[in-house]
PDB file of N, CA and C in Angstrom:
ATOM      1  N   MET A   1      74.927 111.016  95.077  1.00  0.00           N
ATOM      2  CA  MET A   1      76.089 111.289  95.919  1.00  0.00           C
ATOM      3  C   MET A   1      76.258 110.202  96.974  1.00  0.00           C
ATOM      4  N   ARG A   2      75.166 109.824  97.623  1.00  0.00           N
ATOM      5  CA  ARG A   2      75.215 108.808  98.662  1.00  0.00           C
ATOM      6  C   ARG A   2      75.670 107.457  98.091  1.00  0.00           C
ATOM      7  N   ARG A   3      75.188 107.121  96.903  1.00  0.00           N
ATOM      8  CA  ARG A   3      75.563 105.863  96.259  1.00  0.00           C
ATOM      9  C   ARG A   3      77.059 105.840  95.949  1.00  0.00           C
ATOM     10  N   THR A   4      77.599 106.942  95.483  1.00  0.00           N
ATOM     11  CA  THR A   4      79.032 107.040  95.203  1.00  0.00           C
ATOM     12  C   THR A   4      79.845 106.886  96.479  1.00  0.00           C
ATOM     13  N   TYR A   5      79.373 107.495  97.560  1.00  0.00           N
ATOM     14  CA  TYR A   5      80.059 107.383  98.850  1.00  0.00           C
ATOM     15  C   TYR A   5      80.087 105.935  99.325  1.00  0.00           C
ATOM     16  N   ILE A   6      78.952 105.248  99.222  1.00  0.00           N
ATOM     17  CA  ILE A   6      78.873 103.850  99.660  1.00  0.00           C
ATOM     18  C   ILE A   6      79.772 102.974  98.797  1.00  0.00           C
ATOM     19  N   LYS A   7      79.784 103.221  97.497  1.00  0.00           N
ATOM     20  CA  LYS A   7      80.645 102.457  96.582  1.00  0.00           C
ATOM     21  C   LYS A   7      82.117 102.683  96.919  1.00  0.00           C
ATOM     22  N   THR A   8      82.494 103.924  97.199  1.00  0.00           N
ATOM     23  CA  THR A   8      83.873 104.246  97.553  1.00  0.00           C
ATOM     24  C   THR A   8      84.253 103.613  98.894  1.00  0.00           C
ATOM     25  N   LEU A   9      83.354 103.694  99.861  1.00  0.00           N
ATOM     26  CA  LEU A   9      83.603 103.100 101.171  1.00  0.00           C
ATOM     27  C   LEU A   9      83.765 101.584 101.051  1.00  0.00           C
ATOM     28  N   SER A  10      82.925 100.966 100.256  1.00  0.00           N
ATOM     29  CA  SER A  10      82.991  99.518 100.047  1.00  0.00           C
ATOM     30  C   SER A  10      84.331  99.127  99.416  1.00  0.00           C
ATOM     31  N   ALA A  11      84.781  99.867  98.402  1.00  0.00           N
ATOM     32  CA  ALA A  11      86.069  99.595  97.749  1.00  0.00           C
ATOM     33  C   ALA A  11      87.210  99.780  98.732  1.00  0.00           C
ATOM     34  N   THR A  12      87.129 100.819  99.561  1.00  0.00           N
ATOM     35  CA  THR A  12      88.160 101.075 100.567  1.00  0.00           C
ATOM     36  C   THR A  12      88.262  99.912 101.545  1.00  0.00           C
ATOM     37  N   LEU A  13      87.123  99.437 102.015  1.00  0.00           N
ATOM     38  CA  LEU A  13      87.122  98.321 102.957  1.00  0.00           C
ATOM     39  C   LEU A  13      87.658  97.042 102.319  1.00  0.00           C
ATOM     40  N   LEU A  14      87.328  96.808 101.053  1.00  0.00           N
ATOM     41  CA  LEU A  14      87.843  95.634 100.346  1.00  0.00           C
ATOM     42  C   LEU A  14      89.366  95.678 100.231  1.00  0.00           C
ATOM     43  N   ILE A  15      89.895  96.846  99.924  1.00  0.00           N
ATOM     44  CA  ILE A  15      91.347  96.989  99.773  1.00  0.00           C
ATOM     45  C   ILE A  15      92.047  96.800 101.115  1.00  0.00           C
ATOM     46  N   ILE A  16      91.504  97.394 102.168  1.00  0.00           N
ATOM     47  CA  ILE A  16      92.108  97.230 103.497  1.00  0.00           C
ATOM     48  C   ILE A  16      92.036  95.769 103.929  1.00  0.00           C
ATOM     49  N   ASP A  17      90.928  95.104 103.645  1.00  0.00           N
ATOM     50  CA  ASP A  17      90.802  93.684 103.972  1.00  0.00           C
ATOM     51  C   ASP A  17      91.838  92.865 103.207  1.00  0.00           C
ATOM     52  N   HIS A  18      92.052  93.202 101.947  1.00  0.00           N
ATOM     53  CA  HIS A  18      93.057  92.497 101.149  1.00  0.00           C
ATOM     54  C   HIS A  18      94.454  92.691 101.749  1.00  0.00           C
ATOM     55  N   GLU A  19      94.736  93.900 102.187  1.00  0.00           N
ATOM     56  CA  GLU A  19      96.029  94.172 102.833  1.00  0.00           C
ATOM     57  C   GLU A  19      96.201  93.306 104.079  1.00  0.00           C
ATOM     58  N   HIS A  20      95.177  93.258 104.913  1.00  0.00           N
ATOM     59  CA  HIS A  20      95.248  92.453 106.140  1.00  0.00           C
ATOM     60  C   HIS A  20      95.444  90.976 105.817  1.00  0.00           C
ATOM     61  N   GLN A  21      94.787  90.482 104.780  1.00  0.00           N
ATOM     62  CA  GLN A  21      94.947  89.088 104.382  1.00  0.00           C
ATOM     63  C   GLN A  21      96.363  88.809 103.892  1.00  0.00           C
ATOM     64  N   ALA A  22      96.934  89.730 103.130  1.00  0.00           N
ATOM     65  CA  ALA A  22      98.294  89.552 102.614  1.00  0.00           C
ATOM     66  C   ALA A  22      99.308  89.512 103.756  1.00  0.00           C
ATOM     67  N   VAL A  23      99.146  90.390 104.729  1.00  0.00           N
ATOM     68  CA  VAL A  23     100.048  90.410 105.883  1.00  0.00           C
ATOM     69  C   VAL A  23      99.857  89.136 106.707  1.00  0.00           C
ATOM     70  N   SER A  24      98.611  88.722 106.877  1.00  0.00           N
ATOM     71  CA  SER A  24      98.317  87.499 107.613  1.00  0.00           C
ATOM     72  C   SER A  24      98.951  86.284 106.933  1.00  0.00           C
ATOM     73  N   PHE A  25      98.882  86.241 105.619  1.00  0.00           N
ATOM     74  CA  PHE A  25      99.493  85.149 104.859  1.00  0.00           C
ATOM     75  C   PHE A  25     100.994  85.079 105.126  1.00  0.00           C
ATOM     76  N   LEU A  26     101.666  86.236 105.130  1.00  0.00           N
ATOM     77  CA  LEU A  26     103.099  86.269 105.431  1.00  0.00           C
ATOM     78  C   LEU A  26     103.370  85.821 106.862  1.00  0.00           C
ATOM     79  N   THR A  27     102.510  86.223 107.785  1.00  0.00           N
ATOM     80  CA  THR A  27     102.673  85.869 109.197  1.00  0.00           C
ATOM     81  C   THR A  27     102.518  84.365 109.414  1.00  0.00           C
ATOM     82  N   GLU A  28     101.587  83.766 108.700  1.00  0.00           N
ATOM     83  CA  GLU A  28     101.319  82.338 108.870  1.00  0.00           C
ATOM     84  C   GLU A  28     102.404  81.439 108.295  1.00  0.00           C
ATOM     85  N   ASP A  29     103.208  81.965 107.373  1.00  0.00           N
ATOM     86  CA  ASP A  29     104.298  81.175 106.804  1.00  0.00           C
ATOM     87  C   ASP A  29     105.359  80.969 107.881  1.00  0.00           C
ATOM     88  N   LYS A  30     105.575  79.738 108.276  1.00  0.00           N
ATOM     89  CA  LYS A  30     106.505  79.419 109.374  1.00  0.00           C
ATOM     90  C   LYS A  30     107.959  79.746 109.036  1.00  0.00           C
ATOM     91  N   ASN A  31     108.273  79.932 107.763  1.00  0.00           N
ATOM     92  CA  ASN A  31     109.639  80.314 107.371  1.00  0.00           C
ATOM     93  C   ASN A  31     109.914  81.806 107.583  1.00  0.00           C
ATOM     94  N   ASN A  32     108.848  82.579 107.800  1.00  0.00           N
ATOM     95  CA  ASN A  32     108.987  84.023 107.994  1.00  0.00           C
ATOM     96  C   ASN A  32     109.059  84.353 109.482  1.00  0.00           C
ATOM     97  N   GLN A  33     109.972  85.222 109.831  1.00  0.00           N
ATOM     98  CA  GLN A  33     110.142  85.658 111.216  1.00  0.00           C
ATOM     99  C   GLN A  33     110.283  87.170 111.256  1.00  0.00           C
ATOM    100  N   GLU A  34     110.054  87.729 112.438  1.00  0.00           N
ATOM    101  CA  GLU A  34     110.249  89.165 112.691  1.00  0.00           C
ATOM    102  C   GLU A  34     109.542  90.037 111.657  1.00  0.00           C
ATOM    103  N   LEU A  35     108.292  89.716 111.381  1.00  0.00           N
ATOM    104  CA  LEU A  35     107.504  90.448 110.402  1.00  0.00           C
ATOM    105  C   LEU A  35     107.159  91.834 110.923  1.00  0.00           C
ATOM    106  N   ASN A  36     107.350  92.859 110.098  1.00  0.00           N
ATOM    107  CA  ASN A  36     107.086  94.231 110.500  1.00  0.00           C
ATOM    108  C   ASN A  36     106.522  95.012 109.311  1.00  0.00           C
ATOM    109  N   VAL A  37     105.302  95.552 109.464  1.00  0.00           N
ATOM    110  CA  VAL A  37     104.744  96.427 108.431  1.00  0.00           C
ATOM    111  C   VAL A  37     105.386  97.789 108.617  1.00  0.00           C
ATOM    112  N   VAL A  38     106.245  98.166 107.676  1.00  0.00           N
ATOM    113  CA  VAL A  38     107.027  99.401 107.785  1.00  0.00           C
ATOM    114  C   VAL A  38     106.153 100.618 107.502  1.00  0.00           C
ATOM    115  N   HIS A  39     105.358 100.552 106.449  1.00  0.00           N
ATOM    116  CA  HIS A  39     104.416 101.639 106.179  1.00  0.00           C
ATOM    117  C   HIS A  39     103.245 101.112 105.365  1.00  0.00           C
ATOM    118  N   SER A  40     102.147 101.825 105.488  1.00  0.00           N
ATOM    119  CA  SER A  40     100.927 101.503 104.778  1.00  0.00           C
ATOM    120  C   SER A  40     100.228 102.831 104.520  1.00  0.00           C
ATOM    121  N   GLN A  41      99.974 103.126 103.250  1.00  0.00           N
ATOM    122  CA  GLN A  41      99.397 104.440 102.954  1.00  0.00           C
ATOM    123  C   GLN A  41      98.572 104.408 101.669  1.00  0.00           C
ATOM    124  N   TRP A  42      97.658 105.359 101.580  1.00  0.00           N
ATOM    125  CA  TRP A  42      96.870 105.562 100.366  1.00  0.00           C
ATOM    126  C   TRP A  42      97.642 106.494  99.446  1.00  0.00           C
ATOM    127  N   PHE A  43      97.480 106.307  98.136  1.00  0.00           N
ATOM    128  CA  PHE A  43      98.074 107.231  97.176  1.00  0.00           C
ATOM    129  C   PHE A  43      97.262 107.184  95.888  1.00  0.00           C
ATOM    130  N   GLN A  44      97.517 108.128  95.015  1.00  0.00           N
ATOM    131  CA  GLN A  44      96.811 108.211  93.749  1.00  0.00           C
ATOM    132  C   GLN A  44      97.625 107.499  92.676  1.00  0.00           C
ATOM    133  N   LEU A  45      97.039 106.496  92.032  1.00  0.00           N
ATOM    134  CA  LEU A  45      97.674 105.744  90.955  1.00  0.00           C
ATOM    135  C   LEU A  45      96.912 106.082  89.683  1.00  0.00           C
ATOM    136  N   GLY A  46      97.379 107.108  88.993  1.00  0.00           N
ATOM    137  CA  GLY A  46      96.607 107.622  87.866  1.00  0.00           C
ATOM    138  C   GLY A  46      95.298 108.172  88.394  1.00  0.00           C
ATOM    139  N   ARG A  47      94.181 107.624  87.917  1.00  0.00           N
ATOM    140  CA  ARG A  47      92.864 108.059  88.406  1.00  0.00           C
ATOM    141  C   ARG A  47      92.365 107.203  89.558  1.00  0.00           C
ATOM    142  N   LEU A  48      93.122 106.168  89.902  1.00  0.00           N
ATOM    143  CA  LEU A  48      92.673 105.226  90.923  1.00  0.00           C
ATOM    144  C   LEU A  48      93.209 105.573  92.305  1.00  0.00           C
ATOM    145  N   HIS A  49      92.390 105.327  93.297  1.00  0.00           N
ATOM    146  CA  HIS A  49      92.781 105.443  94.707  1.00  0.00           C
ATOM    147  C   HIS A  49      93.392 104.095  95.068  1.00  0.00           C
ATOM    148  N   ALA A  50      94.661 104.059  95.427  1.00  0.00           N
ATOM    149  CA  ALA A  50      95.361 102.796  95.659  1.00  0.00           C
ATOM    150  C   ALA A  50      95.983 102.766  97.050  1.00  0.00           C
ATOM    151  N   ARG A  51      96.351 101.573  97.465  1.00  0.00           N
ATOM    152  CA  ARG A  51      96.972 101.355  98.782  1.00  0.00           C
ATOM    153  C   ARG A  51      98.322 100.693  98.557  1.00  0.00           C
ATOM    154  N   ARG A  52      99.319 101.181  99.270  1.00  0.00           N
ATOM    155  CA  ARG A  52     100.660 100.612  99.180  1.00  0.00           C
ATOM    156  C   ARG A  52     101.149 100.313 100.581  1.00  0.00           C
ATOM    157  N   PHE A  53     101.691  99.111 100.756  1.00  0.00           N
ATOM    158  CA  PHE A  53     102.259  98.774 102.050  1.00  0.00           C
ATOM    159  C   PHE A  53     103.543  97.982 101.857  1.00  0.00           C
ATOM    160  N   GLU A  54     104.441  98.181 102.790  1.00  0.00           N
ATOM    161  CA  GLU A  54     105.756  97.532 102.747  1.00  0.00           C
ATOM    162  C   GLU A  54     105.931  96.705 104.016  1.00  0.00           C
ATOM    163  N   VAL A  55     106.325  95.454 103.827  1.00  0.00           N
ATOM    164  CA  VAL A  55     106.539  94.541 104.944  1.00  0.00           C
ATOM    165  C   VAL A  55     107.986  94.053 104.895  1.00  0.00           C
ATOM    166  N   ARG A  56     108.659  94.141 106.028  1.00  0.00           N
ATOM    167  CA  ARG A  56     110.024  93.618 106.151  1.00  0.00           C
ATOM    168  C   ARG A  56     109.986  92.410 107.070  1.00  0.00           C
ATOM    169  N   PHE A  57     110.771  91.388 106.717  1.00  0.00           N
ATOM    170  CA  PHE A  57     110.782  90.163 107.511  1.00  0.00           C
ATOM    171  C   PHE A  57     112.020  89.340 107.189  1.00  0.00           C
ATOM    172  N   LEU A  58     112.252  88.343 107.992  1.00  0.00           N
ATOM    173  CA  LEU A  58     113.314  87.370 107.739  1.00  0.00           C
ATOM    174  C   LEU A  58     112.674  86.104 107.191  1.00  0.00           C
ATOM    175  N   LYS A  59     113.223  85.600 106.106  1.00  0.00           N
ATOM    176  CA  LYS A  59     112.771  84.320 105.540  1.00  0.00           C
ATOM    177  C   LYS A  59     113.996  83.442 105.402  1.00  0.00           C
ATOM    178  N   ASN A  60     114.001  82.343 106.125  1.00  0.00           N
ATOM    179  CA  ASN A  60     115.163  81.452 106.139  1.00  0.00           C
ATOM    180  C   ASN A  60     116.437  82.229 106.473  1.00  0.00           C
ATOM    181  N   ASN A  61     116.323  83.123 107.464  1.00  0.00           N
ATOM    182  CA  ASN A  61     117.427  83.957 107.952  1.00  0.00           C
ATOM    183  C   ASN A  61     117.956  84.963 106.928  1.00  0.00           C
ATOM    184  N   LYS A  62     117.168  85.261 105.907  1.00  0.00           N
ATOM    185  CA  LYS A  62     117.532  86.293 104.928  1.00  0.00           C
ATOM    186  C   LYS A  62     116.548  87.442 105.058  1.00  0.00           C
ATOM    187  N   SER A  63     117.066  88.663 105.081  1.00  0.00           N
ATOM    188  CA  SER A  63     116.237  89.849 105.204  1.00  0.00           C
ATOM    189  C   SER A  63     115.496  90.105 103.883  1.00  0.00           C
ATOM    190  N   MET A  64     114.150  90.151 103.974  1.00  0.00           N
ATOM    191  CA  MET A  64     113.307  90.291 102.791  1.00  0.00           C
ATOM    192  C   MET A  64     112.402  91.523 102.926  1.00  0.00           C
ATOM    193  N   ILE A  65     111.951  92.006 101.768  1.00  0.00           N
ATOM    194  CA  ILE A  65     110.975  93.103 101.725  1.00  0.00           C
ATOM    195  C   ILE A  65     109.900  92.738 100.716  1.00  0.00           C
ATOM    196  N   THR A  66     108.654  92.975 101.114  1.00  0.00           N
ATOM    197  CA  THR A  66     107.526  92.878 100.193  1.00  0.00           C
ATOM    198  C   THR A  66     106.930  94.271 100.069  1.00  0.00           C
ATOM    199  N   ASP A  67     106.877  94.775  98.847  1.00  0.00           N
ATOM    200  CA  ASP A  67     106.281  96.071  98.532  1.00  0.00           C
ATOM    201  C   ASP A  67     105.032  95.758  97.710  1.00  0.00           C
ATOM    202  N   HIS A  68     103.871  96.108  98.224  1.00  0.00           N
ATOM    203  CA  HIS A  68     102.600  95.634  97.685  1.00  0.00           C
ATOM    204  C   HIS A  68     101.695  96.817  97.368  1.00  0.00           C
ATOM    205  N   ILE A  69     101.155  96.856  96.151  1.00  0.00           N
ATOM    206  CA  ILE A  69     100.218  97.902  95.728  1.00  0.00           C
ATOM    207  C   ILE A  69      98.915  97.238  95.311  1.00  0.00           C
ATOM    208  N   ILE A  70      97.800  97.792  95.798  1.00  0.00           N
ATOM    209  CA  ILE A  70      96.476  97.273  95.478  1.00  0.00           C
ATOM    210  C   ILE A  70      95.584  98.441  95.047  1.00  0.00           C
ATOM    211  N   ALA A  71      94.847  98.243  93.959  1.00  0.00           N
ATOM    212  CA  ALA A  71      93.860  99.229  93.511  1.00  0.00           C
ATOM    213  C   ALA A  71      92.633  98.475  93.009  1.00  0.00           C
ATOM    214  N   LEU A  72      91.484  99.119  93.075  1.00  0.00           N
ATOM    215  CA  LEU A  72      90.229  98.516  92.632  1.00  0.00           C
ATOM    216  C   LEU A  72      89.556  99.484  91.670  1.00  0.00           C
ATOM    217  N   HIS A  73      89.098  98.948  90.531  1.00  0.00           N
ATOM    218  CA  HIS A  73      88.415  99.791  89.547  1.00  0.00           C
ATOM    219  C   HIS A  73      87.316  98.970  88.875  1.00  0.00           C
ATOM    220  N   ASN A  74      86.087  99.423  89.009  1.00  0.00           N
ATOM    221  CA  ASN A  74      84.928  98.743  88.418  1.00  0.00           C
ATOM    222  C   ASN A  74      84.897  97.258  88.761  1.00  0.00           C
ATOM    223  N   GLY A  75      85.206  96.940  90.000  1.00  0.00           N
ATOM    224  CA  GLY A  75      85.142  95.558  90.452  1.00  0.00           C
ATOM    225  C   GLY A  75      86.356  94.709  90.102  1.00  0.00           C
ATOM    226  N   VAL A  76      87.331  95.291  89.424  1.00  0.00           N
ATOM    227  CA  VAL A  76      88.548  94.569  89.059  1.00  0.00           C
ATOM    228  C   VAL A  76      89.667  94.998  90.003  1.00  0.00           C
ATOM    229  N   GLU A  77      90.319  94.021  90.600  1.00  0.00           N
ATOM    230  CA  GLU A  77      91.419  94.310  91.522  1.00  0.00           C
ATOM    231  C   GLU A  77      92.737  94.283  90.761  1.00  0.00           C
ATOM    232  N   TYR A  78      93.500  95.336  90.912  1.00  0.00           N
ATOM    233  CA  TYR A  78      94.831  95.425  90.316  1.00  0.00           C
ATOM    234  C   TYR A  78      95.846  95.317  91.442  1.00  0.00           C
ATOM    235  N   GLU A  79      96.876  94.530  91.202  1.00  0.00           N
ATOM    236  CA  GLU A  79      97.831  94.257  92.265  1.00  0.00           C
ATOM    237  C   GLU A  79      99.232  94.160  91.674  1.00  0.00           C
ATOM    238  N   LEU A  80     100.174  94.773  92.358  1.00  0.00           N
ATOM    239  CA  LEU A  80     101.583  94.685  91.985  1.00  0.00           C
ATOM    240  C   LEU A  80     102.351  94.335  93.247  1.00  0.00           C
ATOM    241  N   ILE A  81     103.118  93.251  93.206  1.00  0.00           N
ATOM    242  CA  ILE A  81     103.861  92.795  94.375  1.00  0.00           C
ATOM    243  C   ILE A  81     105.333  92.646  93.999  1.00  0.00           C
ATOM    244  N   LEU A  82     106.173  93.313  94.749  1.00  0.00           N
ATOM    245  CA  LEU A  82     107.618  93.128  94.625  1.00  0.00           C
ATOM    246  C   LEU A  82     108.096  92.472  95.910  1.00  0.00           C
ATOM    247  N   ARG A  83     108.630  91.285  95.795  1.00  0.00           N
ATOM    248  CA  ARG A  83     109.196  90.573  96.948  1.00  0.00           C
ATOM    249  C   ARG A  83     110.650  90.283  96.596  1.00  0.00           C
ATOM    250  N   THR A  84     111.563  90.821  97.409  1.00  0.00           N
ATOM    251  CA  THR A  84     112.978  90.709  97.091  1.00  0.00           C
ATOM    252  C   THR A  84     113.821  90.732  98.360  1.00  0.00           C
ATOM    253  N   LEU A  85     115.074  90.409  98.212  1.00  0.00           N
ATOM    254  CA  LEU A  85     116.014  90.540  99.320  1.00  0.00           C
ATOM    255  C   LEU A  85     116.158  92.014  99.672  1.00  0.00           C
ATOM    256  N   ALA A  86     116.305  92.319 100.947  1.00  0.00           N
ATOM    257  CA  ALA A  86     116.443  93.717 101.376  1.00  0.00           C
ATOM    258  C   ALA A  86     117.643  94.383 100.701  1.00  0.00           C
ATOM    259  N   ALA A  87     118.718  93.642 100.507  1.00  0.00           N
ATOM    260  CA  ALA A  87     119.924  94.199  99.884  1.00  0.00           C
ATOM    261  C   ALA A  87     119.681  94.614  98.433  1.00  0.00           C
ATOM    262  N   ARG A  88     118.702  94.021  97.773  1.00  0.00           N
ATOM    263  CA  ARG A  88     118.420  94.325  96.366  1.00  0.00           C
ATOM    264  C   ARG A  88     117.233  95.263  96.177  1.00  0.00           C
ATOM    265  N   TYR A  89     116.545  95.593  97.247  1.00  0.00           N
ATOM    266  CA  TYR A  89     115.288  96.323  97.151  1.00  0.00           C
ATOM    267  C   TYR A  89     115.415  97.635  96.363  1.00  0.00           C
ATOM    268  N   GLY A  90     116.423  98.426  96.650  1.00  0.00           N
ATOM    269  CA  GLY A  90     116.594  99.710  95.952  1.00  0.00           C
ATOM    270  C   GLY A  90     116.700  99.538  94.442  1.00  0.00           C
ATOM    271  N   ARG A  91     117.496  98.570  94.019  1.00  0.00           N
ATOM    272  CA  ARG A  91     117.646  98.310  92.566  1.00  0.00           C
ATOM    273  C   ARG A  91     116.375  97.728  91.975  1.00  0.00           C
ATOM    274  N   ASP A  92     115.799  96.753  92.655  1.00  0.00           N
ATOM    275  CA  ASP A  92     114.607  96.097  92.123  1.00  0.00           C
ATOM    276  C   ASP A  92     113.414  97.045  92.073  1.00  0.00           C
ATOM    277  N   LYS A  93     113.288  97.911  93.061  1.00  0.00           N
ATOM    278  CA  LYS A  93     112.183  98.868  93.112  1.00  0.00           C
ATOM    279  C   LYS A  93     112.237  99.807  91.904  1.00  0.00           C
ATOM    280  N   ASN A  94     113.430 100.215  91.519  1.00  0.00           N
ATOM    281  CA  ASN A  94     113.583 101.114  90.390  1.00  0.00           C
ATOM    282  C   ASN A  94     113.354 100.421  89.043  1.00  0.00           C
ATOM    283  N   THR A  95     113.422  99.091  89.017  1.00  0.00           N
ATOM    284  CA  THR A  95     113.195  98.334  87.804  1.00  0.00           C
ATOM    285  C   THR A  95     111.717  98.210  87.505  1.00  0.00           C
ATOM    286  N   VAL A  96     110.923  98.154  88.559  1.00  0.00           N
ATOM    287  CA  VAL A  96     109.470  97.982  88.396  1.00  0.00           C
ATOM    288  C   VAL A  96     108.896  99.258  87.934  1.00  0.00           C
TER     289      VAL A  96
END
């Protein structure tokens, strides 16, 4: 039981660290302005515990959204990133 807890905690910390790195990467891009993490939450992706976060920002004066999902399973990181114009987000989100 303790080993499973430590493994789960380790995976959780890795995913949160990945989220922070992704947001930091967007922040460091000088073309991006007014960066705002709109939401960040855990959810169930099939049998996997996954993290989803949405970042809104301006890139070259265009309103953009990044919708990012991260999951970890047996040491393999699964990632899905949708980066699109805010005006297209609703349509693009439904396509994925």
